[in-house]
N, C-alpha and C. Protein backbone atom coordinates (compact mmCIF):
# COMPACT_ATOMS: atom_id res chain seq x y z
N MET A 1 67.75 86.39 -115.38
CA MET A 1 69.05 86.63 -114.76
C MET A 1 69.12 85.94 -113.39
N ARG A 2 68.02 85.98 -112.66
CA ARG A 2 67.99 85.37 -111.34
C ARG A 2 68.14 83.85 -111.45
N THR A 3 67.57 83.27 -112.47
CA THR A 3 67.66 81.83 -112.68
C THR A 3 69.10 81.41 -112.94
N ILE A 4 69.84 82.20 -113.70
CA ILE A 4 71.25 81.90 -113.99
C ILE A 4 72.07 81.95 -112.71
N LYS A 5 71.81 82.91 -111.84
CA LYS A 5 72.53 83.01 -110.57
C LYS A 5 72.25 81.80 -109.69
N ILE A 6 70.99 81.39 -109.63
CA ILE A 6 70.60 80.24 -108.81
C ILE A 6 71.25 78.96 -109.35
N LEU A 7 71.24 78.78 -110.67
CA LEU A 7 71.86 77.60 -111.26
C LEU A 7 73.37 77.59 -111.03
N GLY A 8 74.00 78.74 -111.13
CA GLY A 8 75.43 78.85 -110.87
C GLY A 8 75.76 78.51 -109.42
N LEU A 9 74.95 79.01 -108.50
CA LEU A 9 75.14 78.72 -107.08
C LEU A 9 74.96 77.23 -106.80
N MET A 10 73.95 76.63 -107.42
CA MET A 10 73.71 75.20 -107.23
C MET A 10 74.88 74.38 -107.78
N LEU A 11 75.42 74.78 -108.90
CA LEU A 11 76.56 74.09 -109.49
C LEU A 11 77.78 74.20 -108.59
N LEU A 12 78.00 75.37 -108.03
CA LEU A 12 79.12 75.58 -107.13
C LEU A 12 78.99 74.72 -105.87
N VAL A 13 77.82 74.71 -105.27
CA VAL A 13 77.58 73.92 -104.06
C VAL A 13 77.76 72.43 -104.35
N THR A 14 77.22 71.97 -105.47
CA THR A 14 77.35 70.56 -105.84
C THR A 14 78.82 70.19 -106.04
N THR A 15 79.56 71.03 -106.72
CA THR A 15 80.98 70.77 -106.94
C THR A 15 81.74 70.71 -105.62
N LEU A 16 81.47 71.62 -104.72
CA LEU A 16 82.14 71.62 -103.42
C LEU A 16 81.80 70.38 -102.61
N LEU A 17 80.54 69.94 -102.67
CA LEU A 17 80.15 68.72 -101.96
C LEU A 17 80.87 67.49 -102.51
N ILE A 18 80.96 67.40 -103.80
CA ILE A 18 81.63 66.25 -104.42
C ILE A 18 83.11 66.24 -104.05
N LEU A 19 83.74 67.40 -104.09
CA LEU A 19 85.17 67.47 -103.76
C LEU A 19 85.43 67.19 -102.28
N SER A 20 84.53 67.62 -101.41
CA SER A 20 84.74 67.40 -99.99
C SER A 20 84.49 65.95 -99.60
N CYS A 21 83.71 65.21 -100.36
CA CYS A 21 83.43 63.81 -100.07
C CYS A 21 84.52 62.88 -100.58
N SER A 22 85.36 63.38 -101.42
CA SER A 22 86.42 62.55 -101.99
C SER A 22 87.48 62.27 -100.92
N LYS A 23 87.74 60.98 -100.68
CA LYS A 23 88.76 60.58 -99.71
C LYS A 23 89.82 59.81 -100.45
N ASP A 24 90.91 60.46 -100.71
CA ASP A 24 91.99 59.85 -101.48
C ASP A 24 93.30 60.09 -100.76
N ASN A 25 93.64 59.19 -99.85
CA ASN A 25 94.87 59.32 -99.07
C ASN A 25 95.94 58.42 -99.66
N ASP A 26 96.46 58.79 -100.80
CA ASP A 26 97.45 57.92 -101.43
C ASP A 26 98.84 58.54 -101.47
N GLU A 27 99.02 59.68 -100.88
CA GLU A 27 100.31 60.34 -100.95
C GLU A 27 101.24 59.94 -99.82
N ASN A 28 100.72 59.85 -98.61
CA ASN A 28 101.55 59.58 -97.45
C ASN A 28 101.27 58.18 -96.92
N THR A 29 102.19 57.25 -97.16
CA THR A 29 101.97 55.88 -96.72
C THR A 29 102.12 55.72 -95.22
N ASN A 30 102.56 56.75 -94.49
CA ASN A 30 102.68 56.67 -93.04
C ASN A 30 101.32 56.65 -92.36
N LEU A 31 100.27 57.01 -93.07
CA LEU A 31 98.93 57.06 -92.49
C LEU A 31 98.24 55.71 -92.47
N PHE A 32 98.84 54.69 -93.04
CA PHE A 32 98.19 53.40 -93.21
C PHE A 32 98.75 52.37 -92.25
N PRO A 33 97.97 51.31 -91.99
CA PRO A 33 98.44 50.27 -91.08
C PRO A 33 99.78 49.68 -91.50
N GLN A 34 100.65 49.45 -90.54
CA GLN A 34 102.00 48.94 -90.80
C GLN A 34 101.95 47.54 -91.41
N GLY A 35 100.90 46.79 -91.14
CA GLY A 35 100.78 45.44 -91.65
C GLY A 35 100.76 45.37 -93.16
N ILE A 36 100.24 46.39 -93.81
CA ILE A 36 100.17 46.40 -95.27
C ILE A 36 101.58 46.45 -95.86
N GLU A 37 102.39 47.35 -95.36
CA GLU A 37 103.75 47.47 -95.88
C GLU A 37 104.57 46.23 -95.52
N ALA A 38 104.37 45.68 -94.32
CA ALA A 38 105.09 44.48 -93.91
C ALA A 38 104.72 43.30 -94.81
N PHE A 39 103.44 43.16 -95.13
CA PHE A 39 102.99 42.08 -96.02
C PHE A 39 103.63 42.23 -97.39
N ALA A 40 103.61 43.43 -97.93
CA ALA A 40 104.18 43.67 -99.25
C ALA A 40 105.68 43.40 -99.26
N MET A 41 106.39 43.80 -98.20
CA MET A 41 107.83 43.59 -98.14
C MET A 41 108.17 42.10 -97.99
N LYS A 42 107.31 41.35 -97.28
CA LYS A 42 107.56 39.93 -97.07
C LYS A 42 107.35 39.13 -98.35
N HIS A 43 106.23 39.41 -99.03
CA HIS A 43 105.86 38.62 -100.20
C HIS A 43 106.41 39.17 -101.52
N TYR A 44 106.73 40.44 -101.54
CA TYR A 44 107.27 41.09 -102.74
C TYR A 44 108.49 41.94 -102.35
N PRO A 45 109.57 41.31 -101.90
CA PRO A 45 110.71 42.08 -101.38
C PRO A 45 111.43 42.92 -102.43
N ASN A 46 111.30 42.59 -103.70
CA ASN A 46 111.99 43.33 -104.75
C ASN A 46 111.14 44.43 -105.38
N ASN A 47 109.91 44.61 -104.88
CA ASN A 47 108.99 45.59 -105.45
C ASN A 47 108.64 46.64 -104.40
N LYS A 48 109.03 47.86 -104.65
CA LYS A 48 108.77 48.98 -103.74
C LYS A 48 107.30 49.40 -103.81
N VAL A 49 106.74 49.79 -102.64
CA VAL A 49 105.37 50.31 -102.60
C VAL A 49 105.37 51.69 -103.24
N ILE A 50 104.53 51.86 -104.26
CA ILE A 50 104.44 53.13 -104.97
C ILE A 50 103.29 53.98 -104.44
N LYS A 51 102.15 53.32 -104.24
CA LYS A 51 100.94 54.09 -103.92
C LYS A 51 100.00 53.22 -103.09
N ILE A 52 99.35 53.86 -102.11
CA ILE A 52 98.32 53.18 -101.32
C ILE A 52 97.10 54.09 -101.30
N LYS A 53 95.95 53.52 -101.67
CA LYS A 53 94.69 54.26 -101.61
C LYS A 53 93.79 53.60 -100.58
N GLU A 54 93.07 54.42 -99.84
CA GLU A 54 92.13 53.94 -98.83
C GLU A 54 90.71 54.15 -99.33
N PHE A 55 89.90 53.11 -99.23
CA PHE A 55 88.49 53.19 -99.58
C PHE A 55 87.68 52.81 -98.35
N ILE A 56 86.66 53.58 -98.05
CA ILE A 56 85.81 53.31 -96.89
C ILE A 56 84.40 53.01 -97.37
N PHE A 57 83.91 51.83 -97.00
CA PHE A 57 82.55 51.40 -97.31
C PHE A 57 81.87 51.09 -95.99
N GLY A 58 81.10 52.04 -95.50
CA GLY A 58 80.48 51.85 -94.19
C GLY A 58 81.54 51.80 -93.12
N LYS A 59 81.63 50.66 -92.41
CA LYS A 59 82.63 50.49 -91.37
C LYS A 59 83.86 49.72 -91.85
N THR A 60 83.87 49.34 -93.12
CA THR A 60 84.97 48.55 -93.67
C THR A 60 85.94 49.43 -94.43
N LYS A 61 87.22 49.26 -94.14
CA LYS A 61 88.26 49.97 -94.88
C LYS A 61 88.97 48.97 -95.79
N THR A 62 89.16 49.36 -97.02
CA THR A 62 89.89 48.55 -97.99
C THR A 62 91.03 49.40 -98.53
N TYR A 63 92.17 48.78 -98.72
CA TYR A 63 93.34 49.48 -99.23
C TYR A 63 93.75 48.88 -100.57
N GLU A 64 94.02 49.73 -101.53
CA GLU A 64 94.55 49.32 -102.82
C GLU A 64 96.02 49.72 -102.83
N VAL A 65 96.89 48.71 -102.97
CA VAL A 65 98.33 48.94 -102.91
C VAL A 65 98.93 48.68 -104.28
N LYS A 66 99.69 49.63 -104.78
CA LYS A 66 100.38 49.47 -106.06
C LYS A 66 101.87 49.36 -105.79
N LEU A 67 102.47 48.33 -106.38
CA LEU A 67 103.89 48.08 -106.24
C LEU A 67 104.59 48.24 -107.58
N GLU A 68 105.91 48.39 -107.51
CA GLU A 68 106.68 48.40 -108.75
C GLU A 68 106.48 47.07 -109.47
N GLY A 69 106.64 47.09 -110.78
CA GLY A 69 106.47 45.87 -111.55
C GLY A 69 105.02 45.61 -111.91
N ASN A 70 104.19 46.65 -111.83
CA ASN A 70 102.77 46.57 -112.22
C ASN A 70 102.00 45.57 -111.36
N ILE A 71 102.30 45.51 -110.06
CA ILE A 71 101.61 44.61 -109.13
C ILE A 71 100.62 45.42 -108.31
N GLU A 72 99.39 44.92 -108.22
CA GLU A 72 98.35 45.57 -107.42
C GLU A 72 97.80 44.59 -106.39
N LEU A 73 97.65 45.07 -105.15
CA LEU A 73 97.08 44.28 -104.07
C LEU A 73 95.86 44.98 -103.52
N LYS A 74 94.86 44.21 -103.07
CA LYS A 74 93.71 44.77 -102.37
C LYS A 74 93.67 44.13 -101.00
N VAL A 75 93.68 44.96 -99.96
CA VAL A 75 93.76 44.49 -98.58
C VAL A 75 92.62 45.11 -97.80
N ASN A 76 91.96 44.28 -96.97
CA ASN A 76 90.93 44.84 -96.07
C ASN A 76 91.10 44.28 -94.68
């Protein structure tokens, strides 16, 4: 019985760690550099920005931008 409690606790802690490490800021485009939206509007004026995701690799930030018309951009 004690082993089951320990395994359950370990599973809970692991799940919480994984969820807390997830960085997915794709809901509010106001949090991202203005240059990304300006670039998209300049080069794709007829395609609205749908979603922006931020990825952090060490000190480098990369943004994945999805536009209407099935267009995807990667900006760093």
